[in-house]
Amino acid sequence: EGIPWEDVAYFDNAIVCNCIDSKRPAGVLAMLDEECIVPQGSDDKFHTKLGRNIRNPQFTGGSGDTFSITHYAGVVVYSTTGFQDKNK
């Protein structure tokens, strides 16, 4: 129809979704579920588990109780404090 248009380069969000929701390898939510069912699970242990196990370029383990995930719009910093209580 002769309408001018330009291609728009979209960020493929699949890598972020996998970081958060993957079952194998375990993503953030799978590790949270696991930490909630172990007898001595805690937010601190959950944070440590994330830092040791998440191997995704969008994930950055932080200090203290924080970690970050780079989403399409930028870096989002999360605090693990209270994650277990909110997940139960």
PDB file of N, CA and C in Angstrom:
ATOM      1  N   GLU A   1       0.807  -1.189   0.000  1.00  0.00           N
ATOM      2  CA  GLU A   1       0.000   0.000   0.000  1.00  0.00           C
ATOM      3  C   GLU A   1       0.848   1.250   0.000  1.00  0.00           C
ATOM      4  N   GLY A   2       2.167   1.073   0.010  1.00  0.00           N
ATOM      5  CA  GLY A   2       3.051   2.217  -0.067  1.00  0.00           C
ATOM      6  C   GLY A   2       3.214   2.982   1.240  1.00  0.00           C
ATOM      7  N   ILE A   3       2.866   2.361   2.355  1.00  0.00           N
ATOM      8  CA  ILE A   3       3.002   3.021   3.655  1.00  0.00           C
ATOM      9  C   ILE A   3       4.435   2.833   4.143  1.00  0.00           C
ATOM     10  N   PRO A   4       5.128   3.932   4.451  1.00  0.00           N
ATOM     11  CA  PRO A   4       6.506   3.789   4.941  1.00  0.00           C
ATOM     12  C   PRO A   4       6.519   3.211   6.360  1.00  0.00           C
ATOM     13  N   TRP A   5       7.514   2.360   6.654  1.00  0.00           N
ATOM     14  CA  TRP A   5       7.633   1.760   7.982  1.00  0.00           C
ATOM     15  C   TRP A   5       9.083   1.428   8.241  1.00  0.00           C
ATOM     16  N   GLU A   6       9.389   1.249   9.496  1.00  0.00           N
ATOM     17  CA  GLU A   6      10.735   0.877   9.903  1.00  0.00           C
ATOM     18  C   GLU A   6      10.656  -0.368  10.783  1.00  0.00           C
ATOM     19  N   ASP A   7      11.662  -1.247  10.649  1.00  0.00           N
ATOM     20  CA  ASP A   7      11.761  -2.386  11.555  1.00  0.00           C
ATOM     21  C   ASP A   7      12.085  -1.876  12.957  1.00  0.00           C
ATOM     22  N   VAL A   8      11.458  -2.492  13.941  1.00  0.00           N
ATOM     23  CA  VAL A   8      11.737  -2.159  15.325  1.00  0.00           C
ATOM     24  C   VAL A   8      12.472  -3.343  15.937  1.00  0.00           C
ATOM     25  N   ALA A   9      13.643  -3.093  16.475  1.00  0.00           N
ATOM     26  CA  ALA A   9      14.428  -4.164  17.107  1.00  0.00           C
ATOM     27  C   ALA A   9      13.917  -4.362  18.531  1.00  0.00           C
ATOM     28  N   TYR A  10      13.303  -5.502  18.777  1.00  0.00           N
ATOM     29  CA  TYR A  10      12.784  -5.819  20.106  1.00  0.00           C
ATOM     30  C   TYR A  10      13.762  -6.696  20.861  1.00  0.00           C
ATOM     31  N   PHE A  11      13.854  -6.466  22.169  1.00  0.00           N
ATOM     32  CA  PHE A  11      14.671  -7.293  23.036  1.00  0.00           C
ATOM     33  C   PHE A  11      13.972  -8.635  23.221  1.00  0.00           C
ATOM     34  N   ASP A  12      14.684  -9.733  23.026  1.00  0.00           N
ATOM     35  CA  ASP A  12      14.123 -11.064  23.246  1.00  0.00           C
ATOM     36  C   ASP A  12      14.107 -11.333  24.743  1.00  0.00           C
ATOM     37  N   ASN A  13      12.948 -11.263  25.341  1.00  0.00           N
ATOM     38  CA  ASN A  13      12.791 -11.358  26.786  1.00  0.00           C
ATOM     39  C   ASN A  13      12.859 -12.798  27.305  1.00  0.00           C
ATOM     40  N   ALA A  14      13.034 -13.770  26.433  1.00  0.00           N
ATOM     41  CA  ALA A  14      13.058 -15.181  26.849  1.00  0.00           C
ATOM     42  C   ALA A  14      14.163 -15.455  27.867  1.00  0.00           C
ATOM     43  N   ILE A  15      15.309 -14.828  27.711  1.00  0.00           N
ATOM     44  CA  ILE A  15      16.421 -15.074  28.632  1.00  0.00           C
ATOM     45  C   ILE A  15      16.087 -14.568  30.039  1.00  0.00           C
ATOM     46  N   VAL A  16      15.332 -13.482  30.134  1.00  0.00           N
ATOM     47  CA  VAL A  16      14.905 -12.958  31.437  1.00  0.00           C
ATOM     48  C   VAL A  16      13.851 -13.883  32.038  1.00  0.00           C
ATOM     49  N   CYS A  17      12.903 -14.319  31.214  1.00  0.00           N
ATOM     50  CA  CYS A  17      11.868 -15.247  31.692  1.00  0.00           C
ATOM     51  C   CYS A  17      12.492 -16.534  32.204  1.00  0.00           C
ATOM     52  N   ASN A  18      13.490 -17.050  31.507  1.00  0.00           N
ATOM     53  CA  ASN A  18      14.181 -18.263  31.952  1.00  0.00           C
ATOM     54  C   ASN A  18      14.906 -18.043  33.268  1.00  0.00           C
ATOM     55  N   CYS A  19      15.509 -16.896  33.436  1.00  0.00           N
ATOM     56  CA  CYS A  19      16.213 -16.581  34.679  1.00  0.00           C
ATOM     57  C   CYS A  19      15.245 -16.614  35.867  1.00  0.00           C
ATOM     58  N   ILE A  20      14.048 -16.149  35.654  1.00  0.00           N
ATOM     59  CA  ILE A  20      13.063 -16.067  36.727  1.00  0.00           C
ATOM     60  C   ILE A  20      12.283 -17.366  36.895  1.00  0.00           C
ATOM     61  N   ASP A  21      11.837 -17.950  35.794  1.00  0.00           N
ATOM     62  CA  ASP A  21      10.818 -18.999  35.873  1.00  0.00           C
ATOM     63  C   ASP A  21      11.255 -20.393  35.431  1.00  0.00           C
ATOM     64  N   SER A  22      12.500 -20.576  35.048  1.00  0.00           N
ATOM     65  CA  SER A  22      12.951 -21.873  34.553  1.00  0.00           C
ATOM     66  C   SER A  22      12.930 -22.942  35.650  1.00  0.00           C
ATOM     67  N   LYS A  23      12.561 -24.158  35.251  1.00  0.00           N
ATOM     68  CA  LYS A  23      12.598 -25.294  36.179  1.00  0.00           C
ATOM     69  C   LYS A  23      13.944 -26.002  36.111  1.00  0.00           C
ATOM     70  N   ARG A  24      14.531 -26.129  34.916  1.00  0.00           N
ATOM     71  CA  ARG A  24      15.827 -26.768  34.712  1.00  0.00           C
ATOM     72  C   ARG A  24      16.598 -26.011  33.647  1.00  0.00           C
ATOM     73  N   PRO A  25      17.687 -25.392  33.964  1.00  0.00           N
ATOM     74  CA  PRO A  25      18.206 -25.235  35.319  1.00  0.00           C
ATOM     75  C   PRO A  25      17.283 -24.338  36.132  1.00  0.00           C
ATOM     76  N   ALA A  26      17.327 -24.519  37.413  1.00  0.00           N
ATOM     77  CA  ALA A  26      16.407 -23.805  38.295  1.00  0.00           C
ATOM     78  C   ALA A  26      16.606 -22.297  38.209  1.00  0.00           C
ATOM     79  N   GLY A  27      15.490 -21.593  38.062  1.00  0.00           N
ATOM     80  CA  GLY A  27      15.501 -20.139  38.071  1.00  0.00           C
ATOM     81  C   GLY A  27      15.190 -19.617  39.473  1.00  0.00           C
ATOM     82  N   VAL A  28      14.990 -18.334  39.569  1.00  0.00           N
ATOM     83  CA  VAL A  28      14.760 -17.679  40.859  1.00  0.00           C
ATOM     84  C   VAL A  28      13.553 -18.277  41.584  1.00  0.00           C
ATOM     85  N   LEU A  29      12.429 -18.441  40.894  1.00  0.00           N
ATOM     86  CA  LEU A  29      11.221 -18.931  41.564  1.00  0.00           C
ATOM     87  C   LEU A  29      11.334 -20.397  41.982  1.00  0.00           C
ATOM     88  N   ALA A  30      11.979 -21.219  41.172  1.00  0.00           N
ATOM     89  CA  ALA A  30      12.170 -22.620  41.545  1.00  0.00           C
ATOM     90  C   ALA A  30      13.056 -22.731  42.783  1.00  0.00           C
ATOM     91  N   MET A  31      14.088 -21.890  42.858  1.00  0.00           N
ATOM     92  CA  MET A  31      14.958 -21.906  44.038  1.00  0.00           C
ATOM     93  C   MET A  31      14.228 -21.383  45.271  1.00  0.00           C
ATOM     94  N   LEU A  32      13.356 -20.422  45.086  1.00  0.00           N
ATOM     95  CA  LEU A  32      12.557 -19.919  46.199  1.00  0.00           C
ATOM     96  C   LEU A  32      11.619 -21.007  46.712  1.00  0.00           C
ATOM     97  N   ASP A  33      10.950 -21.702  45.802  1.00  0.00           N
ATOM     98  CA  ASP A  33      10.068 -22.806  46.208  1.00  0.00           C
ATOM     99  C   ASP A  33      10.839 -23.862  46.995  1.00  0.00           C
ATOM    100  N   GLU A  34      12.030 -24.190  46.505  1.00  0.00           N
ATOM    101  CA  GLU A  34      12.861 -25.183  47.181  1.00  0.00           C
ATOM    102  C   GLU A  34      13.262 -24.716  48.582  1.00  0.00           C
ATOM    103  N   GLU A  35      13.653 -23.468  48.690  1.00  0.00           N
ATOM    104  CA  GLU A  35      14.088 -22.939  49.981  1.00  0.00           C
ATOM    105  C   GLU A  35      12.932 -22.873  50.977  1.00  0.00           C
ATOM    106  N   CYS A  36      11.724 -22.723  50.480  1.00  0.00           N
ATOM    107  CA  CYS A  36      10.549 -22.653  51.358  1.00  0.00           C
ATOM    108  C   CYS A  36      10.186 -24.015  51.957  1.00  0.00           C
ATOM    109  N   ILE A  37      10.617 -25.108  51.335  1.00  0.00           N
ATOM    110  CA  ILE A  37      10.229 -26.426  51.855  1.00  0.00           C
ATOM    111  C   ILE A  37      11.315 -27.097  52.695  1.00  0.00           C
ATOM    112  N   VAL A  38      12.544 -26.577  52.651  1.00  0.00           N
ATOM    113  CA  VAL A  38      13.584 -27.176  53.487  1.00  0.00           C
ATOM    114  C   VAL A  38      13.407 -26.701  54.926  1.00  0.00           C
ATOM    115  N   PRO A  39      13.677 -27.568  55.904  1.00  0.00           N
ATOM    116  CA  PRO A  39      13.401 -27.232  57.303  1.00  0.00           C
ATOM    117  C   PRO A  39      14.053 -25.946  57.820  1.00  0.00           C
ATOM    118  N   GLN A  40      15.270 -25.687  57.474  1.00  0.00           N
ATOM    119  CA  GLN A  40      15.964 -24.492  57.981  1.00  0.00           C
ATOM    120  C   GLN A  40      16.104 -23.414  56.911  1.00  0.00           C
ATOM    121  N   GLY A  41      15.161 -23.362  55.980  1.00  0.00           N
ATOM    122  CA  GLY A  41      15.231 -22.375  54.910  1.00  0.00           C
ATOM    123  C   GLY A  41      15.099 -20.959  55.435  1.00  0.00           C
ATOM    124  N   SER A  42      15.767 -20.033  54.772  1.00  0.00           N
ATOM    125  CA  SER A  42      15.703 -18.633  55.187  1.00  0.00           C
ATOM    126  C   SER A  42      15.940 -17.732  53.981  1.00  0.00           C
ATOM    127  N   ASP A  43      15.619 -16.463  54.140  1.00  0.00           N
ATOM    128  CA  ASP A  43      15.879 -15.497  53.079  1.00  0.00           C
ATOM    129  C   ASP A  43      17.372 -15.380  52.797  1.00  0.00           C
ATOM    130  N   ASP A  44      18.185 -15.434  53.849  1.00  0.00           N
ATOM    131  CA  ASP A  44      19.643 -15.357  53.663  1.00  0.00           C
ATOM    132  C   ASP A  44      20.168 -16.556  52.872  1.00  0.00           C
ATOM    133  N   LYS A  45      19.695 -17.739  53.208  1.00  0.00           N
ATOM    134  CA  LYS A  45      20.132 -18.944  52.486  1.00  0.00           C
ATOM    135  C   LYS A  45      19.639 -18.911  51.048  1.00  0.00           C
ATOM    136  N   PHE A  46      18.439 -18.375  50.832  1.00  0.00           N
ATOM    137  CA  PHE A  46      17.913 -18.212  49.481  1.00  0.00           C
ATOM    138  C   PHE A  46      18.820 -17.289  48.670  1.00  0.00           C
ATOM    139  N   HIS A  47      19.234 -16.177  49.262  1.00  0.00           N
ATOM    140  CA  HIS A  47      20.126 -15.239  48.582  1.00  0.00           C
ATOM    141  C   HIS A  47      21.446 -15.906  48.216  1.00  0.00           C
ATOM    142  N   THR A  48      22.002 -16.665  49.152  1.00  0.00           N
ATOM    143  CA  THR A  48      23.258 -17.376  48.904  1.00  0.00           C
ATOM    144  C   THR A  48      23.093 -18.396  47.785  1.00  0.00           C
ATOM    145  N   LYS A  49      21.978 -19.124  47.819  1.00  0.00           N
ATOM    146  CA  LYS A  49      21.703 -20.135  46.796  1.00  0.00           C
ATOM    147  C   LYS A  49      21.609 -19.494  45.412  1.00  0.00           C
ATOM    148  N   LEU A  50      20.959 -18.343  45.315  1.00  0.00           N
ATOM    149  CA  LEU A  50      20.875 -17.649  44.029  1.00  0.00           C
ATOM    150  C   LEU A  50      22.260 -17.303  43.509  1.00  0.00           C
ATOM    151  N   GLY A  51      23.063 -16.691  44.366  1.00  0.00           N
ATOM    152  CA  GLY A  51      24.407 -16.277  43.953  1.00  0.00           C
ATOM    153  C   GLY A  51      25.286 -17.422  43.504  1.00  0.00           C
ATOM    154  N   ARG A  52      25.099 -18.586  44.118  1.00  0.00           N
ATOM    155  CA  ARG A  52      25.928 -19.753  43.772  1.00  0.00           C
ATOM    156  C   ARG A  52      25.432 -20.497  42.541  1.00  0.00           C
ATOM    157  N   ASN A  53      24.139 -20.409  42.230  1.00  0.00           N
ATOM    158  CA  ASN A  53      23.566 -21.293  41.225  1.00  0.00           C
ATOM    159  C   ASN A  53      23.034 -20.647  39.957  1.00  0.00           C
ATOM    160  N   ILE A  54      22.616 -19.411  40.004  1.00  0.00           N
ATOM    161  CA  ILE A  54      22.057 -18.792  38.798  1.00  0.00           C
ATOM    162  C   ILE A  54      23.204 -18.439  37.852  1.00  0.00           C
ATOM    163  N   ARG A  55      23.157 -19.010  36.681  1.00  0.00           N
ATOM    164  CA  ARG A  55      24.155 -18.752  35.641  1.00  0.00           C
ATOM    165  C   ARG A  55      23.425 -18.184  34.430  1.00  0.00           C
ATOM    166  N   ASN A  56      23.068 -16.922  34.532  1.00  0.00           N
ATOM    167  CA  ASN A  56      22.321 -16.262  33.485  1.00  0.00           C
ATOM    168  C   ASN A  56      22.915 -14.868  33.337  1.00  0.00           C
ATOM    169  N   PRO A  57      23.217 -14.443  32.118  1.00  0.00           N
ATOM    170  CA  PRO A  57      23.862 -13.143  31.944  1.00  0.00           C
ATOM    171  C   PRO A  57      23.000 -11.957  32.395  1.00  0.00           C
ATOM    172  N   GLN A  58      21.708 -12.174  32.564  1.00  0.00           N
ATOM    173  CA  GLN A  58      20.829 -11.093  33.008  1.00  0.00           C
ATOM    174  C   GLN A  58      20.806 -10.972  34.536  1.00  0.00           C
ATOM    175  N   PHE A  59      21.369 -11.943  35.241  1.00  0.00           N
ATOM    176  CA  PHE A  59      21.349 -11.989  36.700  1.00  0.00           C
ATOM    177  C   PHE A  59      22.672 -11.497  37.270  1.00  0.00           C
ATOM    178  N   THR A  60      22.581 -10.698  38.333  1.00  0.00           N
ATOM    179  CA  THR A  60      23.765 -10.275  39.074  1.00  0.00           C
ATOM    180  C   THR A  60      23.485 -10.462  40.552  1.00  0.00           C
ATOM    181  N   GLY A  61      24.287 -11.285  41.203  1.00  0.00           N
ATOM    182  CA  GLY A  61      24.156 -11.452  42.647  1.00  0.00           C
ATOM    183  C   GLY A  61      24.659 -10.194  43.324  1.00  0.00           C
ATOM    184  N   GLY A  62      23.964  -9.758  44.318  1.00  0.00           N
ATOM    185  CA  GLY A  62      24.358  -8.525  44.992  1.00  0.00           C
ATOM    186  C   GLY A  62      24.918  -8.808  46.366  1.00  0.00           C
ATOM    187  N   SER A  63      25.195  -7.757  47.069  1.00  0.00           N
ATOM    188  CA  SER A  63      25.686  -7.905  48.438  1.00  0.00           C
ATOM    189  C   SER A  63      24.513  -7.793  49.401  1.00  0.00           C
ATOM    190  N   GLY A  64      24.740  -8.246  50.613  1.00  0.00           N
ATOM    191  CA  GLY A  64      23.669  -8.182  51.606  1.00  0.00           C
ATOM    192  C   GLY A  64      22.502  -9.056  51.205  1.00  0.00           C
ATOM    193  N   ASP A  65      21.345  -8.450  51.008  1.00  0.00           N
ATOM    194  CA  ASP A  65      20.152  -9.226  50.658  1.00  0.00           C
ATOM    195  C   ASP A  65      19.644  -8.889  49.257  1.00  0.00           C
ATOM    196  N   THR A  66      20.489  -8.328  48.397  1.00  0.00           N
ATOM    197  CA  THR A  66      20.008  -7.900  47.084  1.00  0.00           C
ATOM    198  C   THR A  66      20.594  -8.727  45.943  1.00  0.00           C
ATOM    199  N   PHE A  67      19.856  -8.748  44.860  1.00  0.00           N
ATOM    200  CA  PHE A  67      20.323  -9.261  43.569  1.00  0.00           C
ATOM    201  C   PHE A  67      19.630  -8.433  42.506  1.00  0.00           C
ATOM    202  N   SER A  68      20.117  -8.491  41.281  1.00  0.00           N
ATOM    203  CA  SER A  68      19.484  -7.727  40.215  1.00  0.00           C
ATOM    204  C   SER A  68      19.305  -8.573  38.968  1.00  0.00           C
ATOM    205  N   ILE A  69      18.292  -8.211  38.219  1.00  0.00           N
ATOM    206  CA  ILE A  69      18.009  -8.826  36.925  1.00  0.00           C
ATOM    207  C   ILE A  69      17.851  -7.690  35.925  1.00  0.00           C
ATOM    208  N   THR A  70      18.554  -7.802  34.805  1.00  0.00           N
ATOM    209  CA  THR A  70      18.441  -6.802  33.760  1.00  0.00           C
ATOM    210  C   THR A  70      17.277  -7.169  32.860  1.00  0.00           C
ATOM    211  N   HIS A  71      16.215  -6.392  32.945  1.00  0.00           N
ATOM    212  CA  HIS A  71      15.027  -6.569  32.123  1.00  0.00           C
ATOM    213  C   HIS A  71      15.165  -5.703  30.869  1.00  0.00           C
ATOM    214  N   TYR A  72      14.187  -5.765  29.981  1.00  0.00           N
ATOM    215  CA  TYR A  72      14.253  -4.974  28.751  1.00  0.00           C
ATOM    216  C   TYR A  72      14.348  -3.479  29.035  1.00  0.00           C
ATOM    217  N   ALA A  73      13.761  -3.036  30.149  1.00  0.00           N
ATOM    218  CA  ALA A  73      13.745  -1.609  30.464  1.00  0.00           C
ATOM    219  C   ALA A  73      14.937  -1.161  31.308  1.00  0.00           C
ATOM    220  N   GLY A  74      15.732  -2.114  31.774  1.00  0.00           N
ATOM    221  CA  GLY A  74      16.892  -1.753  32.574  1.00  0.00           C
ATOM    222  C   GLY A  74      17.092  -2.695  33.743  1.00  0.00           C
ATOM    223  N   VAL A  75      17.988  -2.328  34.630  1.00  0.00           N
ATOM    224  CA  VAL A  75      18.341  -3.162  35.778  1.00  0.00           C
ATOM    225  C   VAL A  75      17.311  -2.947  36.891  1.00  0.00           C
ATOM    226  N   VAL A  76      16.803  -4.066  37.425  1.00  0.00           N
ATOM    227  CA  VAL A  76      15.879  -4.013  38.553  1.00  0.00           C
ATOM    228  C   VAL A  76      16.546  -4.722  39.727  1.00  0.00           C
ATOM    229  N   VAL A  77      16.633  -4.041  40.864  1.00  0.00           N
ATOM    230  CA  VAL A  77      17.263  -4.590  42.060  1.00  0.00           C
ATOM    231  C   VAL A  77      16.171  -5.125  42.981  1.00  0.00           C
ATOM    232  N   TYR A  78      16.376  -6.342  43.457  1.00  0.00           N
ATOM    233  CA  TYR A  78      15.430  -7.010  44.347  1.00  0.00           C
ATOM    234  C   TYR A  78      16.086  -7.247  45.702  1.00  0.00           C
ATOM    235  N   SER A  79      15.289  -7.212  46.738  1.00  0.00           N
ATOM    236  CA  SER A  79      15.733  -7.570  48.077  1.00  0.00           C
ATOM    237  C   SER A  79      15.083  -8.891  48.442  1.00  0.00           C
ATOM    238  N   THR A  80      15.864  -9.849  48.929  1.00  0.00           N
ATOM    239  CA  THR A  80      15.305 -11.156  49.294  1.00  0.00           C
ATOM    240  C   THR A  80      14.618 -11.139  50.652  1.00  0.00           C
ATOM    241  N   THR A  81      14.704 -10.044  51.371  1.00  0.00           N
ATOM    242  CA  THR A  81      14.054  -9.953  52.677  1.00  0.00           C
ATOM    243  C   THR A  81      12.541 -10.110  52.520  1.00  0.00           C
ATOM    244  N   GLY A  82      12.000 -11.114  53.192  1.00  0.00           N
ATOM    245  CA  GLY A  82      10.558 -11.349  53.137  1.00  0.00           C
ATOM    246  C   GLY A  82      10.097 -12.223  51.987  1.00  0.00           C
ATOM    247  N   PHE A  83      10.995 -12.646  51.116  1.00  0.00           N
ATOM    248  CA  PHE A  83      10.603 -13.466  49.973  1.00  0.00           C
ATOM    249  C   PHE A  83       9.904 -14.747  50.422  1.00  0.00           C
ATOM    250  N   GLN A  84      10.447 -15.412  51.426  1.00  0.00           N
ATOM    251  CA  GLN A  84       9.857 -16.677  51.864  1.00  0.00           C
ATOM    252  C   GLN A  84       8.454 -16.491  52.407  1.00  0.00           C
ATOM    253  N   ASP A  85       8.256 -15.496  53.245  1.00  0.00           N
ATOM    254  CA  ASP A  85       6.924 -15.256  53.815  1.00  0.00           C
ATOM    255  C   ASP A  85       5.908 -14.952  52.716  1.00  0.00           C
ATOM    256  N   LYS A  86       6.318 -14.205  51.719  1.00  0.00           N
ATOM    257  CA  LYS A  86       5.420 -13.843  50.613  1.00  0.00           C
ATOM    258  C   LYS A  86       5.126 -15.031  49.707  1.00  0.00           C
ATOM    259  N   ASN A  87       5.996 -16.034  49.698  1.00  0.00           N
ATOM    260  CA  ASN A  87       5.840 -17.190  48.813  1.00  0.00           C
ATOM    261  C   ASN A  87       5.015 -18.306  49.443  1.00  0.00           C
ATOM    262  N   LYS A  88       4.806 -18.274  50.730  1.00  0.00           N
ATOM    263  CA  LYS A  88       4.089 -19.365  51.411  1.00  0.00           C
ATOM    264  C   LYS A  88       2.599 -19.274  51.213  1.00  0.00           C
TER     265      LYS A  88
END
